[in-house]
Amino acid sequence: MTTAVQKRSTPTQSVQKAGSKLTLGKIALEIGKYLLLIPLAASFIFPIYWMFSSALKDDPQVFTIPPVLVPNPAFWENFINAWNLLPFNTFAFNTVFRFVLPVTIITVIASTVVAYGFAKIPWRGREVVFWIVLLTLMLPWAVKMVPVFITLRYLDWLDTYKFWTVTALFGSPYFIFMLRQFFRSIPEDLSEAARIDGANELTILWRVILPLSKPALAVVALFRFLAAWNDYLGPKLFIRTQENYPLALGIDLLNTRANDVGNCVRCLPYLMAVSALVALPVIIAFFFAQRTFIEGINLTGTKG
């Protein structure tokens, strides 16, 4: 009798052992994953920490070897003094109101309209034109710099932000592709139902497509915002006078002073302070938009 009971309980015991092995395997996998991710996260976070900590130091603490990780004392006035060392208020105004906001808003609107035309409106030659648009992505910026510079000089657009504003009216090929793929994932039945009710294409776009496309639009806006905010090479080529500088060129100007160590006191801490202030809006924007950002990337990259 005892032997029979033991034989009956054997399958249950084997299942429990398999379950315990599976659980231990999952735990070991999770531990290994975090052991890998924690050093990687620290390697990304440390440069940001170093920038903020260096902004609170004076020159002796910056150049001390071994490095001083925690400023003692901390000079919080470095942020104010660094911002006032050059006309960074003017640079910030140029960046936000003459460059980033107009270019981001216009690019999102133009790319949305063009992408809707490629995704939802049938017309002859649509696919051919779409592939021509995609082919423009193959032209690197290094190839376009000289022709663009010559064109802007001919139009007398150098030292202005007209180039970025006007080109934004035509949308961005990359964003057009992203939005087209997302729009094609929206069921066509919704658009057909709206057409039966008498809606035109703009009404369908505004009332049907856009409410369902908020994650994708957020990705486009965030990408364009980051690209414009961090743009250095374009303004370096086309902006001439200091009163038209964006923040990127203002930091470059401060960096020139920081490299001249004999002529500048605390220029390196000031450079770190201004860099931290300029990076802060980007960090905050990504922190609050990361969920929408990741969701939009998944939706845009896997559907269509």
C-alpha atoms as a PDB file:
ATOM      1  CA  MET A   1       0.000   0.000   0.000  1.00  0.00           C
ATOM      2  CA  THR A   2       2.797   2.377   0.906  1.00  0.00           C
ATOM      3  CA  THR A   3       4.590   1.642  -2.348  1.00  0.00           C
ATOM      4  CA  ALA A   4       1.451   2.369  -4.384  1.00  0.00           C
ATOM      5  CA  VAL A   5       0.943   5.694  -2.662  1.00  0.00           C
ATOM      6  CA  GLN A   6       4.565   6.617  -3.281  1.00  0.00           C
ATOM      7  CA  LYS A   7       4.217   5.682  -6.972  1.00  0.00           C
ATOM      8  CA  ARG A   8       1.079   7.826  -7.264  1.00  0.00           C
ATOM      9  CA  SER A   9       2.808  10.838  -5.681  1.00  0.00           C
ATOM     10  CA  THR A  10       5.881  10.632  -7.875  1.00  0.00           C
ATOM     11  CA  PRO A  11       4.426  12.646 -10.853  1.00  0.00           C
ATOM     12  CA  THR A  12       3.338  15.413  -8.488  1.00  0.00           C
ATOM     13  CA  GLN A  13       6.780  15.574  -6.940  1.00  0.00           C
ATOM     14  CA  SER A  14       8.404  15.709 -10.366  1.00  0.00           C
ATOM     15  CA  VAL A  15       6.128  18.581 -11.405  1.00  0.00           C
ATOM     16  CA  GLN A  16       7.003  20.450  -8.222  1.00  0.00           C
ATOM     17  CA  LYS A  17      10.706  19.910  -8.831  1.00  0.00           C
ATOM     18  CA  ALA A  18      10.347  21.114 -12.426  1.00  0.00           C
ATOM     19  CA  GLY A  19       8.405  24.135 -11.223  1.00  0.00           C
ATOM     20  CA  SER A  20      11.032  24.950  -8.617  1.00  0.00           C
ATOM     21  CA  LYS A  21      13.792  24.601 -11.224  1.00  0.00           C
ATOM     22  CA  LEU A  22      11.854  26.859 -13.589  1.00  0.00           C
ATOM     23  CA  THR A  23      11.348  29.426 -10.840  1.00  0.00           C
ATOM     24  CA  LEU A  24      15.020  29.351  -9.888  1.00  0.00           C
ATOM     25  CA  GLY A  25      15.941  29.737 -13.560  1.00  0.00           C
ATOM     26  CA  LYS A  26      13.708  32.785 -13.893  1.00  0.00           C
ATOM     27  CA  ILE A  27      15.133  34.313 -10.730  1.00  0.00           C
ATOM     28  CA  ALA A  28      18.691  33.731 -11.943  1.00  0.00           C
ATOM     29  CA  LEU A  29      17.801  35.272 -15.306  1.00  0.00           C
ATOM     30  CA  GLU A  30      16.297  38.359 -13.662  1.00  0.00           C
ATOM     31  CA  ILE A  31      19.322  38.756 -11.387  1.00  0.00           C
ATOM     32  CA  GLY A  32      21.688  38.442 -14.344  1.00  0.00           C
ATOM     33  CA  LYS A  33      19.650  40.966 -16.319  1.00  0.00           C
ATOM     34  CA  TYR A  34      19.826  43.568 -13.574  1.00  0.00           C
ATOM     35  CA  LEU A  35      23.507  42.876 -12.931  1.00  0.00           C
ATOM     36  CA  LEU A  36      24.059  43.810 -16.569  1.00  0.00           C
ATOM     37  CA  LEU A  37      21.647  46.765 -16.696  1.00  0.00           C
ATOM     38  CA  ILE A  38      22.815  48.505 -13.513  1.00  0.00           C
ATOM     39  CA  PRO A  39      26.417  49.090 -14.715  1.00  0.00           C
ATOM     40  CA  LEU A  40      25.119  50.168 -18.117  1.00  0.00           C
ATOM     41  CA  ALA A  41      22.706  52.636 -16.510  1.00  0.00           C
ATOM     42  CA  ALA A  42      25.497  53.951 -14.279  1.00  0.00           C
ATOM     43  CA  SER A  43      27.744  54.476 -17.315  1.00  0.00           C
ATOM     44  CA  PHE A  44      25.034  56.669 -18.887  1.00  0.00           C
ATOM     45  CA  ILE A  45      24.150  58.538 -15.695  1.00  0.00           C
ATOM     46  CA  PHE A  46      27.688  59.284 -14.542  1.00  0.00           C
ATOM     47  CA  PRO A  47      28.518  61.856 -17.282  1.00  0.00           C
ATOM     48  CA  ILE A  48      25.344  63.759 -16.376  1.00  0.00           C
ATOM     49  CA  TYR A  49      26.265  63.644 -12.705  1.00  0.00           C
ATOM     50  CA  TRP A  50      29.792  64.787 -13.522  1.00  0.00           C
ATOM     51  CA  MET A  51      28.436  67.743 -15.490  1.00  0.00           C
ATOM     52  CA  PHE A  52      26.183  68.881 -12.638  1.00  0.00           C
ATOM     53  CA  SER A  53      28.841  68.312  -9.970  1.00  0.00           C
ATOM     54  CA  SER A  54      31.495  70.177 -11.977  1.00  0.00           C
ATOM     55  CA  ALA A  55      29.084  73.089 -12.298  1.00  0.00           C
ATOM     56  CA  LEU A  56      29.229  73.478  -8.505  1.00  0.00           C
ATOM     57  CA  LYS A  57      33.030  73.541  -8.234  1.00  0.00           C
ATOM     58  CA  ASP A  58      35.726  76.154  -8.474  1.00  0.00           C
ATOM     59  CA  ASP A  59      38.869  75.789 -10.590  1.00  0.00           C
ATOM     60  CA  PRO A  60      41.001  73.961  -7.966  1.00  0.00           C
ATOM     61  CA  GLN A  61      38.293  71.318  -7.442  1.00  0.00           C
ATOM     62  CA  VAL A  62      37.876  70.838 -11.199  1.00  0.00           C
ATOM     63  CA  PHE A  63      41.571  70.230 -11.866  1.00  0.00           C
ATOM     64  CA  THR A  64      42.307  68.183  -8.741  1.00  0.00           C
ATOM     65  CA  ILE A  65      43.664  64.656  -9.247  1.00  0.00           C
ATOM     66  CA  PRO A  66      42.177  62.291  -8.155  1.00  0.00           C
ATOM     67  CA  PRO A  67      38.876  63.912  -9.190  1.00  0.00           C
ATOM     68  CA  VAL A  68      36.563  65.426  -6.602  1.00  0.00           C
ATOM     69  CA  LEU A  69      33.220  63.634  -6.972  1.00  0.00           C
ATOM     70  CA  VAL A  70      31.295  65.700  -4.397  1.00  0.00           C
ATOM     71  CA  PRO A  71      31.899  69.473  -4.477  1.00  0.00           C
ATOM     72  CA  ASN A  72      32.965  70.851  -1.116  1.00  0.00           C
ATOM     73  CA  PRO A  73      32.090  73.662  -0.856  1.00  0.00           C
ATOM     74  CA  ALA A  74      29.414  73.863  -3.547  1.00  0.00           C
ATOM     75  CA  PHE A  75      29.232  77.132  -5.467  1.00  0.00           C
ATOM     76  CA  TRP A  76      25.567  77.438  -6.444  1.00  0.00           C
ATOM     77  CA  GLU A  77      26.136  80.967  -7.717  1.00  0.00           C
ATOM     78  CA  ASN A  78      28.022  79.459 -10.654  1.00  0.00           C
ATOM     79  CA  PHE A  79      24.720  78.930 -12.470  1.00  0.00           C
ATOM     80  CA  ILE A  80      23.723  82.603 -12.238  1.00  0.00           C
ATOM     81  CA  ASN A  81      27.207  83.930 -12.938  1.00  0.00           C
ATOM     82  CA  ALA A  82      27.677  81.632 -15.904  1.00  0.00           C
ATOM     83  CA  TRP A  83      24.324  82.575 -17.423  1.00  0.00           C
ATOM     84  CA  ASN A  84      25.157  86.276 -17.104  1.00  0.00           C
ATOM     85  CA  LEU A  85      28.698  85.922 -18.423  1.00  0.00           C
ATOM     86  CA  LEU A  86      27.343  86.015 -21.987  1.00  0.00           C
ATOM     87  CA  PRO A  87      23.905  87.130 -23.275  1.00  0.00           C
ATOM     88  CA  PHE A  88      22.337  83.712 -22.752  1.00  0.00           C
ATOM     89  CA  ASN A  89      18.877  85.246 -22.380  1.00  0.00           C
ATOM     90  CA  THR A  90      19.141  86.339 -26.003  1.00  0.00           C
ATOM     91  CA  PHE A  91      20.503  82.945 -27.007  1.00  0.00           C
ATOM     92  CA  ALA A  92      17.602  81.220 -25.228  1.00  0.00           C
ATOM     93  CA  PHE A  93      15.047  83.477 -26.925  1.00  0.00           C
ATOM     94  CA  ASN A  94      16.574  82.715 -30.343  1.00  0.00           C
ATOM     95  CA  THR A  95      16.571  79.008 -29.628  1.00  0.00           C
ATOM     96  CA  VAL A  96      13.037  78.701 -28.295  1.00  0.00           C
ATOM     97  CA  PHE A  97      10.992  81.267 -30.205  1.00  0.00           C
ATOM     98  CA  ARG A  98      12.921  81.670 -33.456  1.00  0.00           C
ATOM     99  CA  PHE A  99      14.092  78.113 -33.950  1.00  0.00           C
ATOM    100  CA  VAL A 100      12.770  75.200 -31.886  1.00  0.00           C
ATOM    101  CA  LEU A 101       9.059  76.004 -31.467  1.00  0.00           C
ATOM    102  CA  PRO A 102       8.354  77.212 -35.055  1.00  0.00           C
ATOM    103  CA  VAL A 103      10.314  74.379 -36.643  1.00  0.00           C
ATOM    104  CA  THR A 104       8.772  71.701 -34.401  1.00  0.00           C
ATOM    105  CA  ILE A 105       5.171  72.882 -34.850  1.00  0.00           C
ATOM    106  CA  ILE A 106       5.452  73.395 -38.602  1.00  0.00           C
ATOM    107  CA  THR A 107       7.239  70.065 -39.127  1.00  0.00           C
ATOM    108  CA  VAL A 108       4.579  68.126 -37.196  1.00  0.00           C
ATOM    109  CA  ILE A 109       1.727  69.773 -39.130  1.00  0.00           C
ATOM    110  CA  ALA A 110       3.351  69.443 -42.561  1.00  0.00           C
ATOM    111  CA  SER A 111       4.536  65.861 -42.022  1.00  0.00           C
ATOM    112  CA  THR A 112       1.072  64.854 -40.776  1.00  0.00           C
ATOM    113  CA  VAL A 113      -0.708  66.256 -43.831  1.00  0.00           C
ATOM    114  CA  VAL A 114       1.755  64.710 -46.293  1.00  0.00           C
ATOM    115  CA  ALA A 115       1.731  61.352 -44.505  1.00  0.00           C
ATOM    116  CA  TYR A 116      -2.075  61.297 -44.569  1.00  0.00           C
ATOM    117  CA  GLY A 117      -1.999  61.876 -48.318  1.00  0.00           C
ATOM    118  CA  PHE A 118       0.373  58.934 -48.768  1.00  0.00           C
ATOM    119  CA  ALA A 119      -1.518  56.635 -46.405  1.00  0.00           C
ATOM    120  CA  LYS A 120      -5.231  57.311 -46.896  1.00  0.00           C
ATOM    121  CA  ILE A 121      -5.829  59.115 -50.205  1.00  0.00           C
ATOM    122  CA  PRO A 122      -5.436  57.005 -53.364  1.00  0.00           C
ATOM    123  CA  TRP A 123      -3.942  58.864 -56.345  1.00  0.00           C
ATOM    124  CA  ARG A 124      -1.920  57.923 -59.386  1.00  0.00           C
ATOM    125  CA  GLY A 125       1.813  57.669 -58.784  1.00  0.00           C
ATOM    126  CA  ARG A 126       1.460  57.761 -55.012  1.00  0.00           C
ATOM    127  CA  GLU A 127       3.926  54.933 -54.330  1.00  0.00           C
ATOM    128  CA  VAL A 128       6.482  56.300 -56.791  1.00  0.00           C
ATOM    129  CA  VAL A 129       6.429  59.733 -55.165  1.00  0.00           C
ATOM    130  CA  PHE A 130       6.624  58.143 -51.723  1.00  0.00           C
ATOM    131  CA  TRP A 131       9.766  56.223 -52.672  1.00  0.00           C
ATOM    132  CA  ILE A 132      11.293  59.393 -54.095  1.00  0.00           C
ATOM    133  CA  VAL A 133      10.653  61.062 -50.737  1.00  0.00           C
ATOM    134  CA  LEU A 134      12.358  58.155 -48.976  1.00  0.00           C
ATOM    135  CA  LEU A 135      15.345  58.358 -51.318  1.00  0.00           C
ATOM    136  CA  THR A 136      16.068  61.855 -50.034  1.00  0.00           C
ATOM    137  CA  LEU A 137      16.966  60.231 -46.720  1.00  0.00           C
ATOM    138  CA  MET A 138      20.024  58.751 -48.425  1.00  0.00           C
ATOM    139  CA  LEU A 139      21.566  62.198 -48.917  1.00  0.00           C
ATOM    140  CA  PRO A 140      23.817  62.911 -45.903  1.00  0.00           C
ATOM    141  CA  TRP A 141      24.081  66.385 -44.454  1.00  0.00           C
ATOM    142  CA  ALA A 142      27.750  66.583 -45.477  1.00  0.00           C
ATOM    143  CA  VAL A 143      26.705  66.379 -49.145  1.00  0.00           C
ATOM    144  CA  LYS A 144      24.043  69.078 -48.796  1.00  0.00           C
ATOM    145  CA  MET A 145      26.015  71.629 -46.778  1.00  0.00           C
ATOM    146  CA  VAL A 146      27.733  73.449 -49.641  1.00  0.00           C
ATOM    147  CA  PRO A 147      24.681  73.619 -51.978  1.00  0.00           C
ATOM    148  CA  VAL A 148      22.506  74.827 -49.106  1.00  0.00           C
ATOM    149  CA  PHE A 149      25.050  77.467 -48.127  1.00  0.00           C
ATOM    150  CA  ILE A 150      25.281  78.757 -51.712  1.00  0.00           C
ATOM    151  CA  THR A 151      21.493  78.839 -52.000  1.00  0.00           C
ATOM    152  CA  LEU A 152      21.091  80.732 -48.730  1.00  0.00           C
ATOM    153  CA  ARG A 153      23.721  83.245 -49.732  1.00  0.00           C
ATOM    154  CA  TYR A 154      21.940  83.782 -53.061  1.00  0.00           C
ATOM    155  CA  LEU A 155      18.610  84.290 -51.252  1.00  0.00           C
ATOM    156  CA  ASP A 156      20.241  86.516 -48.621  1.00  0.00           C
ATOM    157  CA  TRP A 157      19.028  84.142 -45.897  1.00  0.00           C
ATOM    158  CA  LEU A 158      22.348  83.769 -44.097  1.00  0.00           C
ATOM    159  CA  ASP A 159      22.320  84.844 -40.453  1.00  0.00           C
ATOM    160  CA  THR A 160      18.567  84.173 -40.242  1.00  0.00           C
ATOM    161  CA  TYR A 161      16.373  81.222 -39.280  1.00  0.00           C
ATOM    162  CA  LYS A 162      14.370  81.277 -42.513  1.00  0.00           C
ATOM    163  CA  PHE A 163      16.096  78.152 -43.834  1.00  0.00           C
ATOM    164  CA  TRP A 164      14.786  75.918 -41.045  1.00  0.00           C
ATOM    165  CA  THR A 165      11.312  77.479 -41.043  1.00  0.00           C
ATOM    166  CA  VAL A 166      10.785  77.251 -44.804  1.00  0.00           C
ATOM    167  CA  THR A 167      12.133  73.705 -45.133  1.00  0.00           C
ATOM    168  CA  ALA A 168       9.854  72.645 -42.261  1.00  0.00           C
ATOM    169  CA  LEU A 169       6.857  73.593 -44.447  1.00  0.00           C
ATOM    170  CA  PHE A 170       7.625  70.561 -46.629  1.00  0.00           C
ATOM    171  CA  GLY A 171       7.803  68.141 -43.711  1.00  0.00           C
ATOM    172  CA  SER A 172      10.553  65.675 -42.890  1.00  0.00           C
ATOM    173  CA  PRO A 173      10.952  62.473 -44.962  1.00  0.00           C
ATOM    174  CA  TYR A 174      11.684  60.391 -41.879  1.00  0.00           C
ATOM    175  CA  PHE A 175       8.643  61.676 -39.986  1.00  0.00           C
ATOM    176  CA  ILE A 176       6.465  61.318 -43.088  1.00  0.00           C
ATOM    177  CA  PHE A 177       7.483  57.673 -43.265  1.00  0.00           C
ATOM    178  CA  MET A 178       6.787  57.107 -39.556  1.00  0.00           C
ATOM    179  CA  LEU A 179       3.359  58.728 -39.661  1.00  0.00           C
ATOM    180  CA  ARG A 180       2.401  57.012 -42.904  1.00  0.00           C
ATOM    181  CA  GLN A 181       3.123  53.631 -41.347  1.00  0.00           C
ATOM    182  CA  PHE A 182       1.027  54.507 -38.328  1.00  0.00           C
ATOM    183  CA  PHE A 183      -1.880  55.908 -40.352  1.00  0.00           C
ATOM    184  CA  ARG A 184      -2.018  52.740 -42.434  1.00  0.00           C
ATOM    185  CA  SER A 185      -2.533  50.724 -39.253  1.00  0.00           C
ATOM    186  CA  ILE A 186      -5.791  52.623 -38.547  1.00  0.00           C
ATOM    187  CA  PRO A 187      -8.772  50.691 -39.998  1.00  0.00           C
ATOM    188  CA  GLU A 188     -10.044  52.139 -43.259  1.00  0.00           C
ATOM    189  CA  ASP A 189     -13.624  51.475 -42.134  1.00  0.00           C
ATOM    190  CA  LEU A 190     -13.441  54.509 -39.848  1.00  0.00           C
ATOM    191  CA  SER A 191     -12.565  56.800 -42.733  1.00  0.00           C
ATOM    192  CA  GLU A 192     -15.218  55.263 -44.981  1.00  0.00           C
ATOM    193  CA  ALA A 193     -17.873  55.748 -42.312  1.00  0.00           C
ATOM    194  CA  ALA A 194     -16.902  59.413 -42.002  1.00  0.00           C
ATOM    195  CA  ARG A 195     -17.032  59.856 -45.815  1.00  0.00           C
ATOM    196  CA  ILE A 196     -20.535  58.347 -45.867  1.00  0.00           C
ATOM    197  CA  ASP A 197     -21.550  60.958 -43.289  1.00  0.00           C
ATOM    198  CA  GLY A 198     -20.306  63.670 -45.642  1.00  0.00           C
ATOM    199  CA  ALA A 199     -16.913  64.452 -44.073  1.00  0.00           C
ATOM    200  CA  ASN A 200     -14.119  65.687 -46.334  1.00  0.00           C
ATOM    201  CA  GLU A 201     -10.487  64.572 -46.037  1.00  0.00           C
ATOM    202  CA  LEU A 202      -9.442  67.389 -43.712  1.00  0.00           C
ATOM    203  CA  THR A 203     -12.351  66.627 -41.399  1.00  0.00           C
ATOM    204  CA  ILE A 204     -11.441  62.934 -41.392  1.00  0.00           C
ATOM    205  CA  LEU A 205      -7.847  63.796 -40.613  1.00  0.00           C
ATOM    206  CA  TRP A 206      -8.798  66.170 -37.794  1.00  0.00           C
ATOM    207  CA  ARG A 207     -11.667  64.246 -36.190  1.00  0.00           C
ATOM    208  CA  VAL A 208     -10.810  60.603 -36.904  1.00  0.00           C
ATOM    209  CA  ILE A 209      -7.109  60.089 -37.578  1.00  0.00           C
ATOM    210  CA  LEU A 210      -5.425  62.615 -35.279  1.00  0.00           C
ATOM    211  CA  PRO A 211      -7.234  61.575 -32.053  1.00  0.00           C
ATOM    212  CA  LEU A 212      -5.979  58.027 -32.653  1.00  0.00           C
ATOM    213  CA  SER A 213      -2.444  59.159 -33.496  1.00  0.00           C
ATOM    214  CA  LYS A 214      -1.380  60.995 -30.356  1.00  0.00           C
ATOM    215  CA  PRO A 215       1.492  58.589 -29.510  1.00  0.00           C
ATOM    216  CA  ALA A 216       2.966  58.853 -33.015  1.00  0.00           C
ATOM    217  CA  LEU A 217       2.572  62.644 -33.076  1.00  0.00           C
ATOM    218  CA  ALA A 218       4.257  62.857 -29.681  1.00  0.00           C
ATOM    219  CA  VAL A 219       7.225  60.902 -31.030  1.00  0.00           C
ATOM    220  CA  VAL A 220       7.523  63.192 -34.050  1.00  0.00           C
ATOM    221  CA  ALA A 221       7.311  66.327 -31.900  1.00  0.00           C
ATOM    222  CA  LEU A 222       9.830  64.991 -29.391  1.00  0.00           C
ATOM    223  CA  PHE A 223      12.310  63.894 -32.064  1.00  0.00           C
ATOM    224  CA  ARG A 224      12.085  67.221 -33.893  1.00  0.00           C
ATOM    225  CA  PHE A 225      12.351  69.170 -30.655  1.00  0.00           C
ATOM    226  CA  LEU A 226      15.498  67.282 -29.658  1.00  0.00           C
ATOM    227  CA  ALA A 227      17.056  67.669 -33.102  1.00  0.00           C
ATOM    228  CA  ALA A 228      16.435  71.420 -33.199  1.00  0.00           C
ATOM    229  CA  TRP A 229      17.445  72.002 -29.581  1.00  0.00           C
ATOM    230  CA  ASN A 230      20.749  70.159 -30.038  1.00  0.00           C
ATOM    231  CA  ASP A 231      21.511  71.413 -33.555  1.00  0.00           C
ATOM    232  CA  TYR A 232      25.015  72.832 -33.655  1.00  0.00           C
ATOM    233  CA  LEU A 233      26.441  72.336 -37.140  1.00  0.00           C
ATOM    234  CA  GLY A 234      23.612  74.091 -38.995  1.00  0.00           C
ATOM    235  CA  PRO A 235      23.718  77.309 -36.937  1.00  0.00           C
ATOM    236  CA  LYS A 236      27.515  77.153 -36.969  1.00  0.00           C
ATOM    237  CA  LEU A 237      27.437  77.311 -40.775  1.00  0.00           C
ATOM    238  CA  PHE A 238      24.588  79.762 -41.360  1.00  0.00           C
ATOM    239  CA  ILE A 239      24.432  82.066 -38.313  1.00  0.00           C
ATOM    240  CA  ARG A 240      27.051  84.811 -38.351  1.00  0.00           C
ATOM    241  CA  THR A 241      26.374  87.459 -35.682  1.00  0.00           C
ATOM    242  CA  GLN A 242      26.354  86.859 -31.945  1.00  0.00           C
ATOM    243  CA  GLU A 243      22.922  88.426 -31.372  1.00  0.00           C
ATOM    244  CA  ASN A 244      21.407  85.668 -33.531  1.00  0.00           C
ATOM    245  CA  TYR A 245      23.227  82.788 -31.819  1.00  0.00           C
ATOM    246  CA  PRO A 246      21.214  79.869 -30.423  1.00  0.00           C
ATOM    247  CA  LEU A 247      22.208  78.230 -27.151  1.00  0.00           C
ATOM    248  CA  ALA A 248      24.448  75.700 -28.884  1.00  0.00           C
ATOM    249  CA  LEU A 249      26.637  78.447 -30.322  1.00  0.00           C
ATOM    250  CA  GLY A 250      26.552  80.317 -27.016  1.00  0.00           C
ATOM    251  CA  ILE A 251      28.001  77.247 -25.303  1.00  0.00           C
ATOM    252  CA  ASP A 252      30.601  77.006 -28.070  1.00  0.00           C
ATOM    253  CA  LEU A 253      31.569  80.632 -27.473  1.00  0.00           C
ATOM    254  CA  LEU A 254      31.905  79.985 -23.742  1.00  0.00           C
ATOM    255  CA  ASN A 255      33.935  76.861 -24.505  1.00  0.00           C
ATOM    256  CA  THR A 256      36.390  79.010 -26.465  1.00  0.00           C
ATOM    257  CA  ARG A 257      36.911  81.120 -23.355  1.00  0.00           C
ATOM    258  CA  ALA A 258      37.204  78.045 -21.139  1.00  0.00           C
ATOM    259  CA  ASN A 259      40.040  76.682 -23.276  1.00  0.00           C
ATOM    260  CA  ASP A 260      41.981  79.881 -22.652  1.00  0.00           C
ATOM    261  CA  VAL A 261      42.682  78.933 -19.035  1.00  0.00           C
ATOM    262  CA  GLY A 262      45.051  81.785 -18.317  1.00  0.00           C
ATOM    263  CA  ASN A 263      42.496  84.405 -19.251  1.00  0.00           C
ATOM    264  CA  CYS A 264      39.356  82.969 -17.662  1.00  0.00           C
ATOM    265  CA  VAL A 265      38.492  82.300 -14.025  1.00  0.00           C
ATOM    266  CA  ARG A 266      36.008  79.474 -13.406  1.00  0.00           C
ATOM    267  CA  CYS A 267      35.220  79.235 -17.106  1.00  0.00           C
ATOM    268  CA  LEU A 268      35.195  75.438 -17.006  1.00  0.00           C
ATOM    269  CA  PRO A 269      32.718  75.301 -14.077  1.00  0.00           C
ATOM    270  CA  TYR A 270      30.718  78.001 -15.846  1.00  0.00           C
ATOM    271  CA  LEU A 271      30.737  75.915 -19.024  1.00  0.00           C
ATOM    272  CA  MET A 272      29.410  72.920 -17.094  1.00  0.00           C
ATOM    273  CA  ALA A 273      26.781  75.106 -15.407  1.00  0.00           C
ATOM    274  CA  VAL A 274      25.430  76.471 -18.688  1.00  0.00           C
ATOM    275  CA  SER A 275      25.549  73.001 -20.274  1.00  0.00           C
ATOM    276  CA  ALA A 276      23.542  71.636 -17.348  1.00  0.00           C
ATOM    277  CA  LEU A 277      20.944  74.402 -17.676  1.00  0.00           C
ATOM    278  CA  VAL A 278      20.634  73.795 -21.425  1.00  0.00           C
ATOM    279  CA  ALA A 279      20.360  70.016 -20.973  1.00  0.00           C
ATOM    280  CA  LEU A 280      17.772  70.309 -18.192  1.00  0.00           C
ATOM    281  CA  PRO A 281      14.721  71.002 -20.445  1.00  0.00           C
ATOM    282  CA  VAL A 282      15.575  67.979 -22.580  1.00  0.00           C
ATOM    283  CA  ILE A 283      15.928  65.734 -19.530  1.00  0.00           C
ATOM    284  CA  ILE A 284      12.645  66.993 -18.067  1.00  0.00           C
ATOM    285  CA  ALA A 285      10.825  66.627 -21.397  1.00  0.00           C
ATOM    286  CA  PHE A 286      11.951  63.039 -21.820  1.00  0.00           C
ATOM    287  CA  PHE A 287      11.197  62.212 -18.172  1.00  0.00           C
ATOM    288  CA  PHE A 288       7.555  63.286 -18.506  1.00  0.00           C
ATOM    289  CA  ALA A 289       7.091  62.011 -22.070  1.00  0.00           C
ATOM    290  CA  GLN A 290       8.945  58.710 -21.823  1.00  0.00           C
ATOM    291  CA  ARG A 291       5.815  56.546 -21.607  1.00  0.00           C
ATOM    292  CA  THR A 292       4.240  58.167 -24.653  1.00  0.00           C
ATOM    293  CA  PHE A 293       7.610  58.166 -26.368  1.00  0.00           C
ATOM    294  CA  ILE A 294       8.180  54.416 -25.900  1.00  0.00           C
ATOM    295  CA  GLU A 295       4.560  53.589 -26.796  1.00  0.00           C
ATOM    296  CA  GLY A 296       4.810  55.664 -29.959  1.00  0.00           C
ATOM    297  CA  ILE A 297       8.068  54.016 -30.963  1.00  0.00           C
ATOM    298  CA  ASN A 298       6.501  50.564 -30.565  1.00  0.00           C
ATOM    299  CA  LEU A 299       3.350  51.476 -32.469  1.00  0.00           C
ATOM    300  CA  THR A 300       5.163  53.294 -35.259  1.00  0.00           C
ATOM    301  CA  GLY A 301       7.840  50.664 -35.669  1.00  0.00           C
ATOM    302  CA  THR A 302       5.717  47.506 -35.649  1.00  0.00           C
ATOM    303  CA  LYS A 303       2.509  48.409 -37.466  1.00  0.00           C
ATOM    304  CA  GLY A 304       1.732  49.365 -41.034  1.00  0.00           C
END
